[in-house]
Amino acid sequence: MKRLWILPALLVVAMALNATAEPPPQAAAAKILNKWLGTWKSHTVLKPAAWSPTSQELSGTSKSVWILDGRFQETSSRSGQHETREIHRYDSGSRKYHKWTFDSDGSHSFWIGEWDEATLTMTWKYVDFGAGIEGKIVDRFISDGKYESTVILKDRAGAVLLHIRAEHARTRKQDE
């Protein structure tokens, strides 16, 4: 009877060790998302298209960090009054990357990405849930602290709805 206290004590110690343990190591494929970590300045050009009939130039900032024990990456972006949140992750089941975007104008989207190591390019394909839109984002890394993005959305007939080109330069690198 005197040794019955050992089991609860061991459980408490195990729970305490688990609570202070390091987050699980990332799969090699998930580490690709580390390329986006840090604080970035962006210069964006909206080219004439159905949703943006006149060309516009914008500048903004973004910050990407790991959240939820390193299982997801969150990016917060701001350009003028427009704010965007993105959540990224690597899905080991499908061996693809996932991106959810949420904008301050109420829009949201879901994308599936594939990494090409040879060209240092992530190609995100828009997942259409019945709206009749086809889309692609291409993020190409020029160097460790610079990448460029192209976003193109088209309707069923192939008309360009949105065409964006952006250049991103890291201003501060996060701990990897």
C-alpha atoms as a PDB file:
ATOM      1  CA  MET A   1       0.000   0.000   0.000  1.00  0.00           C
ATOM      2  CA  LYS A   2       2.833   2.367   0.773  1.00  0.00           C
ATOM      3  CA  ARG A   3       4.056   2.206  -2.832  1.00  0.00           C
ATOM      4  CA  LEU A   4       0.729   3.225  -4.425  1.00  0.00           C
ATOM      5  CA  TRP A   5       1.866   6.854  -4.436  1.00  0.00           C
ATOM      6  CA  ILE A   6       4.622   5.966  -6.931  1.00  0.00           C
ATOM      7  CA  LEU A   7       2.246   5.578  -9.900  1.00  0.00           C
ATOM      8  CA  PRO A   8       0.548   9.002  -9.522  1.00  0.00           C
ATOM      9  CA  ALA A   9       3.942  10.612  -8.892  1.00  0.00           C
ATOM     10  CA  LEU A  10       5.365   9.060 -12.065  1.00  0.00           C
ATOM     11  CA  LEU A  11       2.338  10.279 -14.045  1.00  0.00           C
ATOM     12  CA  VAL A  12       2.816  13.834 -12.758  1.00  0.00           C
ATOM     13  CA  VAL A  13       6.524  13.765 -13.654  1.00  0.00           C
ATOM     14  CA  ALA A  14       5.776  12.342 -17.128  1.00  0.00           C
ATOM     15  CA  MET A  15       3.159  15.041 -17.782  1.00  0.00           C
ATOM     16  CA  ALA A  16       5.550  17.776 -16.633  1.00  0.00           C
ATOM     17  CA  LEU A  17       8.335  16.467 -18.857  1.00  0.00           C
ATOM     18  CA  ASN A  18       5.975  16.251 -21.822  1.00  0.00           C
ATOM     19  CA  ALA A  19       4.729  19.817 -21.256  1.00  0.00           C
ATOM     20  CA  THR A  20       8.267  21.220 -21.331  1.00  0.00           C
ATOM     21  CA  ALA A  21       9.561  18.994 -24.110  1.00  0.00           C
ATOM     22  CA  GLU A  22      10.737  20.481 -27.384  1.00  0.00           C
ATOM     23  CA  PRO A  23       8.208  20.517 -30.232  1.00  0.00           C
ATOM     24  CA  PRO A  24       8.427  17.474 -32.480  1.00  0.00           C
ATOM     25  CA  PRO A  25      11.110  17.695 -35.169  1.00  0.00           C
ATOM     26  CA  GLN A  26       9.873  18.844 -38.554  1.00  0.00           C
ATOM     27  CA  ALA A  27       9.930  16.542 -41.514  1.00  0.00           C
ATOM     28  CA  ALA A  28      12.543  17.576 -44.079  1.00  0.00           C
ATOM     29  CA  ALA A  29       9.771  18.591 -46.473  1.00  0.00           C
ATOM     30  CA  ALA A  30       8.130  20.814 -43.841  1.00  0.00           C
ATOM     31  CA  LYS A  31      11.445  22.651 -43.369  1.00  0.00           C
ATOM     32  CA  ILE A  32      10.994  24.125 -46.862  1.00  0.00           C
ATOM     33  CA  LEU A  33       8.482  26.487 -45.236  1.00  0.00           C
ATOM     34  CA  ASN A  34      11.377  27.952 -43.201  1.00  0.00           C
ATOM     35  CA  LYS A  35      12.282  29.899 -46.356  1.00  0.00           C
ATOM     36  CA  TRP A  36       9.309  32.202 -45.650  1.00  0.00           C
ATOM     37  CA  LEU A  37      10.172  32.799 -41.977  1.00  0.00           C
ATOM     38  CA  GLY A  38      10.917  36.331 -40.889  1.00  0.00           C
ATOM     39  CA  THR A  39       9.797  39.864 -41.595  1.00  0.00           C
ATOM     40  CA  TRP A  40       9.513  40.974 -45.226  1.00  0.00           C
ATOM     41  CA  LYS A  41       8.941  44.176 -47.206  1.00  0.00           C
ATOM     42  CA  SER A  42       7.008  43.758 -50.416  1.00  0.00           C
ATOM     43  CA  HIS A  43       6.533  45.778 -53.571  1.00  0.00           C
ATOM     44  CA  THR A  44       3.396  44.637 -55.403  1.00  0.00           C
ATOM     45  CA  VAL A  45       2.023  45.485 -58.831  1.00  0.00           C
ATOM     46  CA  LEU A  46      -1.589  44.682 -59.668  1.00  0.00           C
ATOM     47  CA  LYS A  47      -1.735  44.415 -63.423  1.00  0.00           C
ATOM     48  CA  PRO A  48      -4.922  45.336 -65.299  1.00  0.00           C
ATOM     49  CA  ALA A  49      -7.471  42.500 -65.071  1.00  0.00           C
ATOM     50  CA  ALA A  50     -11.209  42.053 -64.522  1.00  0.00           C
ATOM     51  CA  TRP A  51     -11.005  42.551 -60.746  1.00  0.00           C
ATOM     52  CA  SER A  52      -8.437  45.368 -60.975  1.00  0.00           C
ATOM     53  CA  PRO A  53      -9.085  47.282 -64.231  1.00  0.00           C
ATOM     54  CA  THR A  54      -6.240  49.755 -63.659  1.00  0.00           C
ATOM     55  CA  SER A  55      -2.657  49.025 -62.720  1.00  0.00           C
ATOM     56  CA  GLN A  56      -1.782  49.688 -59.076  1.00  0.00           C
ATOM     57  CA  GLU A  57       1.449  49.630 -57.114  1.00  0.00           C
ATOM     58  CA  LEU A  58       1.450  48.844 -53.416  1.00  0.00           C
ATOM     59  CA  SER A  59       4.009  48.265 -50.723  1.00  0.00           C
ATOM     60  CA  GLY A  60       3.532  46.307 -47.561  1.00  0.00           C
ATOM     61  CA  THR A  61       5.043  44.167 -44.858  1.00  0.00           C
ATOM     62  CA  SER A  62       4.587  40.598 -43.695  1.00  0.00           C
ATOM     63  CA  LYS A  63       5.831  38.384 -40.912  1.00  0.00           C
ATOM     64  CA  SER A  64       5.921  34.571 -40.888  1.00  0.00           C
ATOM     65  CA  VAL A  65       6.298  32.495 -37.726  1.00  0.00           C
ATOM     66  CA  TRP A  66       5.760  28.895 -36.657  1.00  0.00           C
ATOM     67  CA  ILE A  67       2.701  28.356 -34.436  1.00  0.00           C
ATOM     68  CA  LEU A  68       1.043  25.452 -32.619  1.00  0.00           C
ATOM     69  CA  ASP A  69       4.233  23.607 -31.687  1.00  0.00           C
ATOM     70  CA  GLY A  70       5.741  24.123 -35.131  1.00  0.00           C
ATOM     71  CA  ARG A  71       2.981  22.267 -36.926  1.00  0.00           C
ATOM     72  CA  PHE A  72       1.669  25.321 -38.812  1.00  0.00           C
ATOM     73  CA  GLN A  73       3.196  28.514 -40.137  1.00  0.00           C
ATOM     74  CA  GLU A  74       1.284  31.779 -39.858  1.00  0.00           C
ATOM     75  CA  THR A  75       1.948  34.767 -42.079  1.00  0.00           C
ATOM     76  CA  SER A  76       0.429  38.160 -41.245  1.00  0.00           C
ATOM     77  CA  SER A  77       0.548  40.761 -44.033  1.00  0.00           C
ATOM     78  CA  ARG A  78      -0.499  44.393 -44.301  1.00  0.00           C
ATOM     79  CA  SER A  79      -0.621  46.726 -47.266  1.00  0.00           C
ATOM     80  CA  GLY A  80      -2.362  50.015 -46.542  1.00  0.00           C
ATOM     81  CA  GLN A  81      -5.693  49.170 -44.913  1.00  0.00           C
ATOM     82  CA  HIS A  82      -5.718  45.633 -46.346  1.00  0.00           C
ATOM     83  CA  GLU A  83      -4.723  42.811 -44.022  1.00  0.00           C
ATOM     84  CA  THR A  84      -4.163  39.131 -44.811  1.00  0.00           C
ATOM     85  CA  ARG A  85      -3.528  36.047 -42.699  1.00  0.00           C
ATOM     86  CA  GLU A  86      -2.167  32.830 -44.170  1.00  0.00           C
ATOM     87  CA  ILE A  87      -1.735  29.437 -42.575  1.00  0.00           C
ATOM     88  CA  HIS A  88       0.718  26.999 -44.187  1.00  0.00           C
ATOM     89  CA  ARG A  89       1.597  23.408 -43.437  1.00  0.00           C
ATOM     90  CA  TYR A  90       3.135  20.335 -44.992  1.00  0.00           C
ATOM     91  CA  ASP A  91       0.724  17.413 -45.307  1.00  0.00           C
ATOM     92  CA  SER A  92       2.758  14.225 -45.071  1.00  0.00           C
ATOM     93  CA  GLY A  93      -0.204  12.110 -46.226  1.00  0.00           C
ATOM     94  CA  SER A  94      -0.507  13.800 -49.622  1.00  0.00           C
ATOM     95  CA  ARG A  95       3.124  14.995 -49.676  1.00  0.00           C
ATOM     96  CA  LYS A  96       1.865  18.457 -50.602  1.00  0.00           C
ATOM     97  CA  TYR A  97       1.805  21.858 -48.946  1.00  0.00           C
ATOM     98  CA  HIS A  98      -1.429  23.539 -47.868  1.00  0.00           C
ATOM     99  CA  LYS A  99      -2.154  27.273 -47.741  1.00  0.00           C
ATOM    100  CA  TRP A 100      -5.269  28.907 -46.337  1.00  0.00           C
ATOM    101  CA  THR A 101      -5.684  32.655 -46.879  1.00  0.00           C
ATOM    102  CA  PHE A 102      -8.047  35.012 -45.056  1.00  0.00           C
ATOM    103  CA  ASP A 103      -8.374  38.667 -46.071  1.00  0.00           C
ATOM    104  CA  SER A 104      -9.780  41.680 -44.226  1.00  0.00           C
ATOM    105  CA  ASP A 105     -12.249  42.157 -47.096  1.00  0.00           C
ATOM    106  CA  GLY A 106     -13.862  38.834 -46.098  1.00  0.00           C
ATOM    107  CA  SER A 107     -12.425  36.705 -48.894  1.00  0.00           C
ATOM    108  CA  HIS A 108     -10.657  33.425 -48.256  1.00  0.00           C
ATOM    109  CA  SER A 109      -9.072  30.662 -50.302  1.00  0.00           C
ATOM    110  CA  PHE A 110      -7.337  27.299 -50.117  1.00  0.00           C
ATOM    111  CA  TRP A 111      -4.290  26.291 -52.142  1.00  0.00           C
ATOM    112  CA  ILE A 112      -2.216  23.119 -52.595  1.00  0.00           C
ATOM    113  CA  GLY A 113       1.495  23.556 -53.233  1.00  0.00           C
ATOM    114  CA  GLU A 114       4.368  21.597 -54.704  1.00  0.00           C
ATOM    115  CA  TRP A 115       8.026  22.458 -54.130  1.00  0.00           C
ATOM    116  CA  ASP A 116      10.589  22.242 -56.936  1.00  0.00           C
ATOM    117  CA  GLU A 117      14.057  22.145 -55.386  1.00  0.00           C
ATOM    118  CA  ALA A 118      15.825  22.541 -58.742  1.00  0.00           C
ATOM    119  CA  THR A 119      14.219  25.950 -59.385  1.00  0.00           C
ATOM    120  CA  LEU A 120      13.598  26.915 -55.713  1.00  0.00           C
ATOM    121  CA  THR A 121       9.948  27.416 -56.621  1.00  0.00           C
ATOM    122  CA  MET A 122       6.700  26.697 -54.811  1.00  0.00           C
ATOM    123  CA  THR A 123       3.714  26.438 -57.129  1.00  0.00           C
ATOM    124  CA  TRP A 124       0.380  26.791 -55.376  1.00  0.00           C
ATOM    125  CA  LYS A 125      -2.805  25.719 -57.191  1.00  0.00           C
ATOM    126  CA  TYR A 126      -6.120  27.197 -56.177  1.00  0.00           C
ATOM    127  CA  VAL A 127      -8.708  24.709 -54.964  1.00  0.00           C
ATOM    128  CA  ASP A 128     -12.018  25.684 -56.541  1.00  0.00           C
ATOM    129  CA  PHE A 129     -15.043  24.812 -54.450  1.00  0.00           C
ATOM    130  CA  GLY A 130     -17.513  25.469 -57.264  1.00  0.00           C
ATOM    131  CA  ALA A 131     -16.878  29.135 -58.085  1.00  0.00           C
ATOM    132  CA  GLY A 132     -15.449  28.321 -61.523  1.00  0.00           C
ATOM    133  CA  ILE A 133     -12.077  29.920 -60.809  1.00  0.00           C
ATOM    134  CA  GLU A 134      -8.665  28.575 -61.749  1.00  0.00           C
ATOM    135  CA  GLY A 135      -5.662  30.014 -59.988  1.00  0.00           C
ATOM    136  CA  LYS A 136      -1.964  29.681 -59.449  1.00  0.00           C
ATOM    137  CA  ILE A 137       0.614  31.339 -57.210  1.00  0.00           C
ATOM    138  CA  VAL A 138       4.281  30.895 -58.039  1.00  0.00           C
ATOM    139  CA  ASP A 139       6.812  31.828 -55.344  1.00  0.00           C
ATOM    140  CA  ARG A 140      10.383  31.719 -56.710  1.00  0.00           C
ATOM    141  CA  PHE A 141      13.338  32.262 -54.400  1.00  0.00           C
ATOM    142  CA  ILE A 142      16.070  34.380 -55.939  1.00  0.00           C
ATOM    143  CA  SER A 143      18.278  34.213 -52.834  1.00  0.00           C
ATOM    144  CA  ASP A 144      17.937  33.422 -49.143  1.00  0.00           C
ATOM    145  CA  GLY A 145      16.442  36.849 -48.476  1.00  0.00           C
ATOM    146  CA  LYS A 146      14.522  37.529 -51.698  1.00  0.00           C
ATOM    147  CA  TYR A 147      11.681  35.934 -53.572  1.00  0.00           C
ATOM    148  CA  GLU A 148       9.146  36.944 -56.165  1.00  0.00           C
ATOM    149  CA  SER A 149       5.510  35.952 -56.448  1.00  0.00           C
ATOM    150  CA  THR A 150       3.098  35.818 -59.342  1.00  0.00           C
ATOM    151  CA  VAL A 151      -0.622  35.326 -58.770  1.00  0.00           C
ATOM    152  CA  ILE A 152      -3.022  34.672 -61.630  1.00  0.00           C
ATOM    153  CA  LEU A 153      -6.733  33.898 -61.283  1.00  0.00           C
ATOM    154  CA  LYS A 154      -8.910  33.100 -64.293  1.00  0.00           C
ATOM    155  CA  ASP A 155     -12.584  32.403 -64.837  1.00  0.00           C
ATOM    156  CA  ARG A 156     -14.034  29.366 -66.659  1.00  0.00           C
ATOM    157  CA  ALA A 157     -13.665  31.084 -70.020  1.00  0.00           C
ATOM    158  CA  GLY A 158      -9.978  31.820 -69.385  1.00  0.00           C
ATOM    159  CA  ALA A 159     -10.391  35.556 -68.784  1.00  0.00           C
ATOM    160  CA  VAL A 160      -7.841  36.911 -66.286  1.00  0.00           C
ATOM    161  CA  LEU A 161      -9.588  38.053 -63.117  1.00  0.00           C
ATOM    162  CA  LEU A 162      -6.484  38.995 -61.141  1.00  0.00           C
ATOM    163  CA  HIS A 163      -2.806  39.307 -62.062  1.00  0.00           C
ATOM    164  CA  ILE A 164      -0.309  40.237 -59.345  1.00  0.00           C
ATOM    165  CA  ARG A 165       3.508  40.438 -59.367  1.00  0.00           C
ATOM    166  CA  ALA A 166       5.342  41.006 -56.112  1.00  0.00           C
ATOM    167  CA  GLU A 167       8.946  41.222 -54.980  1.00  0.00           C
ATOM    168  CA  HIS A 168       9.735  40.387 -51.357  1.00  0.00           C
ATOM    169  CA  ALA A 169      12.909  41.259 -49.431  1.00  0.00           C
ATOM    170  CA  ARG A 170      13.541  39.962 -45.917  1.00  0.00           C
ATOM    171  CA  THR A 171      14.234  42.667 -43.366  1.00  0.00           C
ATOM    172  CA  ARG A 172      14.632  40.362 -40.372  1.00  0.00           C
ATOM    173  CA  LYS A 173      15.172  36.622 -40.224  1.00  0.00           C
ATOM    174  CA  GLN A 174      13.346  34.563 -37.598  1.00  0.00           C
ATOM    175  CA  ASP A 175      15.085  31.826 -35.666  1.00  0.00           C
ATOM    176  CA  GLU A 176      14.830  28.562 -37.529  1.00  0.00           C
END
